[in-house]
N, C-alpha and C. Protein backbone atom coordinates (compact mmCIF):
# COMPACT_ATOMS: atom_id res chain seq x y z
N UNK A 1 15.80 -4.08 -5.20
CA UNK A 1 16.56 -2.86 -5.15
C UNK A 1 16.15 -1.95 -6.30
N UNK A 2 15.85 -0.69 -6.02
CA UNK A 2 15.46 0.24 -7.07
C UNK A 2 16.60 0.49 -8.05
N UNK A 3 16.19 0.99 -9.25
CA UNK A 3 17.20 1.25 -10.29
C UNK A 3 18.22 2.24 -9.86
N UNK A 4 17.93 3.13 -8.91
CA UNK A 4 18.89 4.16 -8.51
C UNK A 4 19.92 3.62 -7.54
N UNK A 5 19.79 2.37 -7.06
CA UNK A 5 20.72 1.80 -6.11
C UNK A 5 20.44 2.21 -4.71
N UNK A 6 19.32 2.82 -4.45
CA UNK A 6 18.95 3.22 -3.05
C UNK A 6 18.71 1.97 -2.26
N UNK A 7 19.26 1.90 -1.07
CA UNK A 7 19.03 0.78 -0.17
C UNK A 7 17.67 0.93 0.49
N UNK A 8 16.82 -0.12 0.38
CA UNK A 8 15.46 -0.05 0.91
C UNK A 8 15.19 -1.21 1.86
N UNK A 9 14.28 -0.97 2.81
CA UNK A 9 13.82 -2.06 3.66
C UNK A 9 12.35 -1.86 3.94
N UNK A 10 11.59 -2.93 3.92
CA UNK A 10 10.19 -2.90 4.21
C UNK A 10 9.97 -3.10 5.68
N UNK A 11 9.20 -2.24 6.33
CA UNK A 11 8.87 -2.35 7.74
C UNK A 11 7.39 -2.38 7.92
N UNK A 12 6.92 -3.31 8.75
CA UNK A 12 5.50 -3.27 9.13
C UNK A 12 5.27 -2.16 10.11
N UNK A 13 4.26 -1.36 9.93
CA UNK A 13 3.98 -0.28 10.84
C UNK A 13 3.48 -0.93 12.14
N UNK A 14 4.09 -0.46 13.24
CA UNK A 14 3.75 -1.02 14.55
C UNK A 14 2.94 -0.06 15.42
N UNK A 15 2.68 1.15 14.92
CA UNK A 15 1.77 2.07 15.60
C UNK A 15 2.36 3.09 16.51
N UNK A 16 3.69 3.31 16.47
CA UNK A 16 4.29 4.35 17.28
C UNK A 16 3.79 5.71 16.74
N UNK A 17 3.79 6.69 17.61
CA UNK A 17 3.37 8.04 17.19
C UNK A 17 4.21 8.52 16.03
N UNK A 18 5.51 8.30 16.09
CA UNK A 18 6.39 8.77 14.99
C UNK A 18 6.00 8.10 13.66
N UNK A 19 5.75 6.81 13.71
CA UNK A 19 5.34 6.13 12.50
C UNK A 19 4.02 6.64 11.97
N UNK A 20 3.08 6.82 12.86
CA UNK A 20 1.76 7.28 12.44
C UNK A 20 1.79 8.68 11.87
N UNK A 21 2.65 9.55 12.43
CA UNK A 21 2.80 10.89 11.88
C UNK A 21 3.41 10.82 10.48
N UNK A 22 4.44 10.03 10.27
CA UNK A 22 5.01 9.84 8.96
C UNK A 22 3.99 9.28 7.99
N UNK A 23 3.21 8.27 8.43
CA UNK A 23 2.19 7.64 7.61
C UNK A 23 1.15 8.64 7.20
N UNK A 24 0.71 9.48 8.15
CA UNK A 24 -0.31 10.48 7.84
C UNK A 24 0.20 11.46 6.80
N UNK A 25 1.44 11.88 6.89
CA UNK A 25 2.00 12.77 5.87
C UNK A 25 2.10 12.15 4.51
N UNK A 26 2.54 10.88 4.46
CA UNK A 26 2.66 10.17 3.19
C UNK A 26 1.27 10.04 2.55
N UNK A 27 0.27 9.61 3.31
CA UNK A 27 -1.04 9.39 2.75
C UNK A 27 -1.66 10.73 2.27
N UNK A 28 -1.39 11.78 3.00
CA UNK A 28 -1.93 13.10 2.60
C UNK A 28 -1.34 13.53 1.27
N UNK A 29 -0.08 13.14 1.02
CA UNK A 29 0.59 13.54 -0.22
C UNK A 29 -0.05 12.94 -1.47
N UNK A 30 -0.79 11.81 -1.28
CA UNK A 30 -1.38 11.11 -2.41
C UNK A 30 -2.32 12.05 -3.19
N UNK A 31 -3.16 12.80 -2.47
CA UNK A 31 -4.13 13.64 -3.16
C UNK A 31 -4.00 15.09 -2.71
N UNK A 32 -2.87 15.46 -2.10
CA UNK A 32 -2.68 16.87 -1.70
C UNK A 32 -3.64 17.28 -0.58
N UNK A 33 -3.99 16.36 0.28
CA UNK A 33 -4.92 16.65 1.37
C UNK A 33 -4.14 16.99 2.65
N UNK A 34 -4.83 17.49 3.66
CA UNK A 34 -4.20 17.77 4.94
C UNK A 34 -4.01 16.39 5.66
N UNK A 35 -2.89 16.24 6.32
CA UNK A 35 -2.69 14.99 7.09
C UNK A 35 -3.72 14.82 8.18
N UNK A 36 -4.12 13.59 8.46
CA UNK A 36 -5.04 13.31 9.54
C UNK A 36 -4.34 13.56 10.88
N UNK A 37 -5.06 14.03 11.87
CA UNK A 37 -4.46 14.26 13.18
C UNK A 37 -4.00 12.95 13.81
N UNK A 38 -2.97 13.07 14.72
CA UNK A 38 -2.43 11.86 15.33
C UNK A 38 -3.48 11.05 16.04
N UNK A 39 -4.39 11.71 16.73
CA UNK A 39 -5.46 10.94 17.45
C UNK A 39 -6.30 10.08 16.50
N UNK A 40 -6.61 10.64 15.30
CA UNK A 40 -7.37 9.90 14.34
C UNK A 40 -6.54 8.75 13.80
N UNK A 41 -5.26 8.99 13.54
CA UNK A 41 -4.38 7.96 13.06
C UNK A 41 -4.28 6.80 14.09
N UNK A 42 -4.16 7.11 15.34
CA UNK A 42 -4.13 6.09 16.39
C UNK A 42 -5.40 5.26 16.38
N UNK A 43 -6.54 5.90 16.29
CA UNK A 43 -7.82 5.19 16.27
C UNK A 43 -7.95 4.31 15.06
N UNK A 44 -7.58 4.83 13.86
CA UNK A 44 -7.71 4.06 12.61
C UNK A 44 -6.74 2.87 12.64
N UNK A 45 -5.51 3.08 13.17
CA UNK A 45 -4.54 2.01 13.24
C UNK A 45 -5.05 0.90 14.18
N UNK A 46 -5.61 1.30 15.33
CA UNK A 46 -6.13 0.29 16.26
C UNK A 46 -7.26 -0.50 15.66
N UNK A 47 -8.11 0.16 14.89
CA UNK A 47 -9.20 -0.55 14.21
C UNK A 47 -8.64 -1.50 13.14
N UNK A 48 -7.69 -1.05 12.38
CA UNK A 48 -7.07 -1.90 11.35
C UNK A 48 -6.47 -3.16 12.00
N UNK A 49 -5.82 -2.97 13.12
CA UNK A 49 -5.18 -4.16 13.72
C UNK A 49 -6.13 -5.21 14.24
N UNK A 50 -7.41 -4.88 14.35
CA UNK A 50 -8.39 -5.86 14.80
C UNK A 50 -8.69 -6.89 13.72
N UNK A 51 -8.36 -6.52 12.46
CA UNK A 51 -8.54 -7.49 11.37
C UNK A 51 -7.29 -8.37 11.38
N UNK A 52 -7.50 -9.71 11.31
CA UNK A 52 -6.34 -10.60 11.48
C UNK A 52 -5.28 -10.51 10.41
N UNK A 53 -5.63 -10.18 9.17
CA UNK A 53 -4.64 -10.18 8.09
C UNK A 53 -4.66 -8.86 7.36
N UNK A 54 -4.70 -7.75 8.05
CA UNK A 54 -4.69 -6.43 7.48
C UNK A 54 -3.50 -5.69 8.08
N UNK A 55 -2.52 -5.34 7.24
CA UNK A 55 -1.28 -4.74 7.72
C UNK A 55 -0.94 -3.53 6.89
N UNK A 56 -0.27 -2.60 7.51
CA UNK A 56 0.26 -1.42 6.87
C UNK A 56 1.81 -1.54 6.90
N UNK A 57 2.41 -1.16 5.77
CA UNK A 57 3.86 -1.23 5.67
C UNK A 57 4.42 0.08 5.22
N UNK A 58 5.71 0.34 5.59
CA UNK A 58 6.45 1.46 5.10
C UNK A 58 7.71 0.97 4.46
N UNK A 59 8.09 1.61 3.36
CA UNK A 59 9.35 1.32 2.75
C UNK A 59 10.27 2.49 3.22
N UNK A 60 11.39 2.10 3.79
CA UNK A 60 12.32 3.08 4.33
C UNK A 60 13.66 2.96 3.66
N UNK A 61 14.39 4.07 3.62
CA UNK A 61 15.72 4.10 3.08
C UNK A 61 16.73 3.72 4.13
N UNK A 62 18.03 3.73 3.79
CA UNK A 62 19.08 3.36 4.65
C UNK A 62 19.07 4.15 5.97
N UNK A 63 18.58 5.38 5.87
CA UNK A 63 18.56 6.24 7.07
C UNK A 63 17.24 6.14 7.84
N UNK A 64 16.43 5.10 7.47
CA UNK A 64 15.14 4.84 8.12
C UNK A 64 14.07 5.87 7.84
N UNK A 65 14.30 6.80 6.93
CA UNK A 65 13.32 7.76 6.56
C UNK A 65 12.25 7.09 5.67
N UNK A 66 10.94 7.21 6.05
CA UNK A 66 9.92 6.61 5.24
C UNK A 66 9.83 7.21 3.85
N UNK A 67 9.82 6.36 2.85
CA UNK A 67 9.79 6.79 1.44
C UNK A 67 8.50 6.41 0.76
N UNK A 68 7.74 5.50 1.30
CA UNK A 68 6.48 5.05 0.73
C UNK A 68 5.72 4.17 1.67
N UNK A 69 4.51 3.90 1.34
CA UNK A 69 3.64 3.06 2.16
C UNK A 69 2.57 2.33 1.30
N UNK A 70 2.12 1.26 1.83
CA UNK A 70 0.95 0.52 1.29
C UNK A 70 0.35 -0.28 2.41
N UNK A 71 -0.95 -0.61 2.27
CA UNK A 71 -1.62 -1.52 3.16
C UNK A 71 -2.06 -2.73 2.39
N UNK A 72 -2.05 -3.86 3.07
CA UNK A 72 -2.38 -5.16 2.44
C UNK A 72 -3.40 -5.86 3.30
N UNK A 73 -4.46 -6.25 2.67
CA UNK A 73 -5.52 -7.05 3.30
C UNK A 73 -5.61 -8.38 2.59
N UNK A 74 -5.44 -9.48 3.34
CA UNK A 74 -5.63 -10.84 2.83
C UNK A 74 -6.87 -11.38 3.51
N UNK A 75 -7.85 -11.83 2.70
CA UNK A 75 -9.13 -12.24 3.25
C UNK A 75 -9.62 -13.52 2.63
N UNK A 76 -10.40 -14.30 3.39
CA UNK A 76 -10.96 -15.56 2.87
C UNK A 76 -12.08 -15.27 1.88
N UNK A 77 -12.24 -16.18 0.94
CA UNK A 77 -13.36 -16.09 0.02
C UNK A 77 -13.96 -17.51 -0.11
N UNK A 78 -15.24 -17.54 -0.48
CA UNK A 78 -15.94 -18.79 -0.68
C UNK A 78 -16.32 -19.07 -2.14
N UNK A 79 -15.45 -18.60 -3.04
CA UNK A 79 -15.69 -18.80 -4.46
C UNK A 79 -14.44 -19.37 -5.05
N UNK A 80 -14.58 -19.76 -6.33
CA UNK A 80 -13.50 -20.32 -7.11
C UNK A 80 -12.86 -21.48 -6.37
N UNK A 81 -11.56 -21.48 -6.12
CA UNK A 81 -10.96 -22.60 -5.46
C UNK A 81 -10.88 -22.44 -3.96
N UNK A 82 -11.46 -21.38 -3.42
CA UNK A 82 -11.47 -21.18 -2.01
C UNK A 82 -10.20 -20.58 -1.40
N UNK A 83 -9.23 -20.33 -2.24
CA UNK A 83 -8.00 -19.72 -1.76
C UNK A 83 -8.30 -18.25 -1.39
N UNK A 84 -7.60 -17.68 -0.41
CA UNK A 84 -7.80 -16.28 -0.06
C UNK A 84 -7.41 -15.38 -1.20
N UNK A 85 -7.87 -14.16 -1.12
CA UNK A 85 -7.51 -13.12 -2.06
C UNK A 85 -6.92 -11.98 -1.25
N UNK A 86 -6.28 -11.03 -2.00
CA UNK A 86 -5.65 -9.93 -1.29
C UNK A 86 -5.93 -8.63 -2.03
N UNK A 87 -5.96 -7.56 -1.25
CA UNK A 87 -6.14 -6.20 -1.81
C UNK A 87 -4.99 -5.36 -1.29
N UNK A 88 -4.34 -4.65 -2.17
CA UNK A 88 -3.35 -3.65 -1.76
C UNK A 88 -4.00 -2.30 -1.94
N UNK A 89 -3.83 -1.41 -0.95
CA UNK A 89 -4.46 -0.12 -1.06
C UNK A 89 -3.58 0.92 -0.37
N UNK A 90 -3.97 2.15 -0.58
CA UNK A 90 -3.22 3.30 -0.03
C UNK A 90 -1.74 3.24 -0.38
N UNK A 91 -1.47 3.01 -1.64
CA UNK A 91 -0.11 2.92 -2.20
C UNK A 91 0.35 4.34 -2.52
N UNK A 92 1.39 4.79 -1.86
CA UNK A 92 1.91 6.12 -2.15
C UNK A 92 3.38 6.18 -1.88
N UNK A 93 4.07 6.93 -2.74
CA UNK A 93 5.54 7.16 -2.59
C UNK A 93 5.65 8.66 -2.25
N UNK A 94 6.57 8.97 -1.33
CA UNK A 94 6.81 10.37 -1.00
C UNK A 94 7.15 11.15 -2.25
N UNK A 95 6.58 12.35 -2.40
CA UNK A 95 6.83 13.15 -3.61
C UNK A 95 8.32 13.28 -3.98
N UNK A 96 9.14 13.49 -2.99
CA UNK A 96 10.60 13.71 -3.29
C UNK A 96 11.27 12.41 -3.70
N UNK A 97 10.65 11.27 -3.48
CA UNK A 97 11.26 9.97 -3.78
C UNK A 97 10.66 9.30 -5.03
N UNK A 98 9.76 9.96 -5.71
CA UNK A 98 9.12 9.38 -6.87
C UNK A 98 10.11 9.26 -8.05
N UNK A 99 9.91 8.24 -8.84
CA UNK A 99 10.81 8.02 -9.97
C UNK A 99 12.09 7.28 -9.66
N UNK A 100 12.22 6.80 -8.44
CA UNK A 100 13.49 6.16 -7.97
C UNK A 100 13.29 4.60 -7.88
N UNK A 101 12.10 4.09 -8.27
CA UNK A 101 11.90 2.64 -8.19
C UNK A 101 11.32 2.17 -6.88
N UNK A 102 10.96 3.06 -6.04
CA UNK A 102 10.43 2.72 -4.70
C UNK A 102 9.01 2.10 -4.88
N UNK A 103 8.22 2.67 -5.71
CA UNK A 103 6.87 2.10 -5.94
C UNK A 103 6.91 0.70 -6.45
N UNK A 104 7.87 0.45 -7.41
CA UNK A 104 8.01 -0.85 -7.95
C UNK A 104 8.47 -1.85 -6.86
N UNK A 105 9.40 -1.44 -6.04
CA UNK A 105 9.88 -2.29 -4.93
C UNK A 105 8.75 -2.59 -3.94
N UNK A 106 7.96 -1.57 -3.63
CA UNK A 106 6.82 -1.78 -2.72
C UNK A 106 5.80 -2.74 -3.31
N UNK A 107 5.49 -2.61 -4.57
CA UNK A 107 4.50 -3.50 -5.18
C UNK A 107 5.01 -4.93 -5.27
N UNK A 108 6.30 -5.08 -5.54
CA UNK A 108 6.87 -6.42 -5.55
C UNK A 108 6.79 -7.09 -4.17
N UNK A 109 7.02 -6.26 -3.13
CA UNK A 109 6.85 -6.74 -1.78
C UNK A 109 5.41 -7.12 -1.47
N UNK A 110 4.43 -6.31 -1.91
CA UNK A 110 3.03 -6.58 -1.71
C UNK A 110 2.66 -7.91 -2.36
N UNK A 111 3.19 -8.11 -3.61
CA UNK A 111 2.91 -9.38 -4.31
C UNK A 111 3.52 -10.57 -3.55
N UNK A 112 4.75 -10.38 -3.06
CA UNK A 112 5.40 -11.47 -2.30
C UNK A 112 4.60 -11.81 -1.04
N UNK A 113 4.22 -10.79 -0.30
CA UNK A 113 3.49 -10.99 0.98
C UNK A 113 2.13 -11.72 0.70
N UNK A 114 1.42 -11.30 -0.33
CA UNK A 114 0.17 -11.89 -0.70
C UNK A 114 0.37 -13.36 -1.14
N UNK A 115 1.41 -13.58 -1.94
CA UNK A 115 1.70 -14.94 -2.40
C UNK A 115 2.06 -15.83 -1.18
N UNK A 116 2.85 -15.34 -0.27
CA UNK A 116 3.23 -16.10 0.92
C UNK A 116 2.06 -16.40 1.81
N UNK A 117 1.01 -15.53 1.77
CA UNK A 117 -0.21 -15.77 2.56
C UNK A 117 -1.16 -16.72 1.84
N UNK A 118 -0.80 -17.19 0.66
CA UNK A 118 -1.60 -18.16 -0.05
C UNK A 118 -2.67 -17.53 -0.92
N UNK A 119 -2.61 -16.23 -1.18
CA UNK A 119 -3.62 -15.56 -1.95
C UNK A 119 -3.58 -15.99 -3.41
N UNK A 120 -4.74 -16.19 -3.98
CA UNK A 120 -4.87 -16.58 -5.37
C UNK A 120 -4.65 -15.35 -6.28
N UNK A 121 -4.97 -14.18 -5.79
CA UNK A 121 -4.77 -12.99 -6.60
C UNK A 121 -4.60 -11.77 -5.73
N UNK A 122 -3.99 -10.78 -6.27
CA UNK A 122 -3.82 -9.48 -5.59
C UNK A 122 -4.53 -8.45 -6.43
N UNK A 123 -5.43 -7.72 -5.83
CA UNK A 123 -6.18 -6.69 -6.58
C UNK A 123 -5.94 -5.34 -5.97
N UNK A 124 -6.24 -4.32 -6.75
CA UNK A 124 -6.21 -2.93 -6.31
C UNK A 124 -7.16 -2.11 -7.11
N UNK A 125 -7.51 -0.97 -6.58
CA UNK A 125 -8.31 -0.02 -7.35
C UNK A 125 -7.52 1.28 -7.41
N UNK A 126 -7.75 2.01 -8.48
CA UNK A 126 -7.06 3.28 -8.66
C UNK A 126 -8.07 4.27 -9.25
N UNK A 127 -7.98 5.47 -8.80
CA UNK A 127 -8.86 6.55 -9.30
C UNK A 127 -8.72 6.67 -10.79
N UNK A 128 -9.84 6.79 -11.50
CA UNK A 128 -9.84 6.84 -12.95
C UNK A 128 -8.94 7.96 -13.49
N UNK A 129 -8.72 9.00 -12.74
CA UNK A 129 -7.91 10.10 -13.23
C UNK A 129 -6.43 9.87 -13.09
N UNK A 130 -5.99 8.83 -12.45
CA UNK A 130 -4.56 8.57 -12.24
C UNK A 130 -3.95 7.72 -13.37
N UNK A 131 -3.93 8.29 -14.53
CA UNK A 131 -3.51 7.54 -15.73
C UNK A 131 -2.06 7.05 -15.59
N UNK A 132 -1.19 7.86 -14.98
CA UNK A 132 0.19 7.44 -14.81
C UNK A 132 0.30 6.27 -13.88
N UNK A 133 -0.50 6.19 -12.85
CA UNK A 133 -0.53 5.05 -11.94
C UNK A 133 -1.04 3.81 -12.67
N UNK A 134 -2.01 3.98 -13.55
CA UNK A 134 -2.54 2.83 -14.32
C UNK A 134 -1.43 2.18 -15.20
N UNK A 135 -0.67 3.07 -15.85
CA UNK A 135 0.43 2.62 -16.66
C UNK A 135 1.48 1.87 -15.78
N UNK A 136 1.78 2.46 -14.65
CA UNK A 136 2.72 1.83 -13.70
C UNK A 136 2.29 0.44 -13.35
N UNK A 137 0.99 0.28 -12.96
CA UNK A 137 0.49 -1.05 -12.58
C UNK A 137 0.54 -2.02 -13.75
N UNK A 138 0.19 -1.55 -14.94
CA UNK A 138 0.27 -2.42 -16.12
C UNK A 138 1.71 -2.90 -16.36
N UNK A 139 2.68 -2.02 -16.18
CA UNK A 139 4.08 -2.42 -16.37
C UNK A 139 4.48 -3.47 -15.37
N UNK A 140 3.85 -3.53 -14.23
CA UNK A 140 4.16 -4.56 -13.22
C UNK A 140 3.41 -5.90 -13.48
N UNK A 141 2.58 -5.91 -14.49
CA UNK A 141 1.85 -7.11 -14.86
C UNK A 141 0.40 -7.14 -14.44
N UNK A 142 -0.08 -6.13 -13.78
CA UNK A 142 -1.49 -6.04 -13.44
C UNK A 142 -2.31 -5.82 -14.70
N UNK A 143 -3.48 -6.44 -14.72
CA UNK A 143 -4.38 -6.26 -15.84
C UNK A 143 -5.74 -5.73 -15.34
N UNK A 144 -6.35 -4.93 -16.19
CA UNK A 144 -7.69 -4.45 -15.80
C UNK A 144 -8.60 -5.65 -15.76
N UNK A 145 -9.44 -5.66 -14.71
CA UNK A 145 -10.30 -6.81 -14.51
C UNK A 145 -11.65 -6.31 -14.00
N UNK A 146 -12.63 -6.46 -14.84
CA UNK A 146 -13.97 -6.05 -14.38
C UNK A 146 -14.13 -4.49 -14.33
N UNK A 147 -15.11 -4.08 -13.66
CA UNK A 147 -15.44 -2.68 -13.49
C UNK A 147 -15.63 -2.43 -12.01
N UNK A 148 -15.08 -1.36 -11.50
CA UNK A 148 -15.24 -1.04 -10.10
C UNK A 148 -16.34 -0.04 -9.93
N UNK A 149 -17.18 -0.26 -8.96
CA UNK A 149 -18.27 0.66 -8.62
C UNK A 149 -18.15 1.09 -7.16
N UNK A 150 -18.56 2.27 -6.85
CA UNK A 150 -18.60 2.71 -5.47
C UNK A 150 -19.77 3.72 -5.29
N UNK A 151 -20.10 3.94 -4.08
CA UNK A 151 -21.15 4.91 -3.77
C UNK A 151 -20.72 5.65 -2.52
N UNK A 152 -20.81 6.97 -2.55
CA UNK A 152 -20.49 7.76 -1.38
C UNK A 152 -21.55 7.54 -0.29
N UNK A 153 -21.12 7.34 0.91
CA UNK A 153 -22.09 7.10 2.00
C UNK A 153 -21.96 8.25 3.01
């Protein structure tokens, strides 16, 4: 439960048009981008569902209004002790709901889901310019680990 006493529930996204439209708006708010069109969201959701342990979740309030979202991928690895690992990505809280403990509640749920799936660790990446997000993750117990590299394709 967030510090504000807001009643929250985690829902797995099932792919309805209404959910996908809410999801598109939430994700667009992360970087101030235009929401993806519904047809694109349908296609991306269908592709995501083909992965056996890749799920998208929404945190909703008592009125079922989406307040935040994250996606969680649990995947097998052939290193260390062989336990699966997990990645949480596309973590965003609706702008009007920020500062209410929703992000913390979502991340605790992501940790719980990854743990229940047997994951040895939960990882995430964050844009280097999101210093506030980095502090948020540190407060939750995440530690910087290694260096992340990417290349635009």
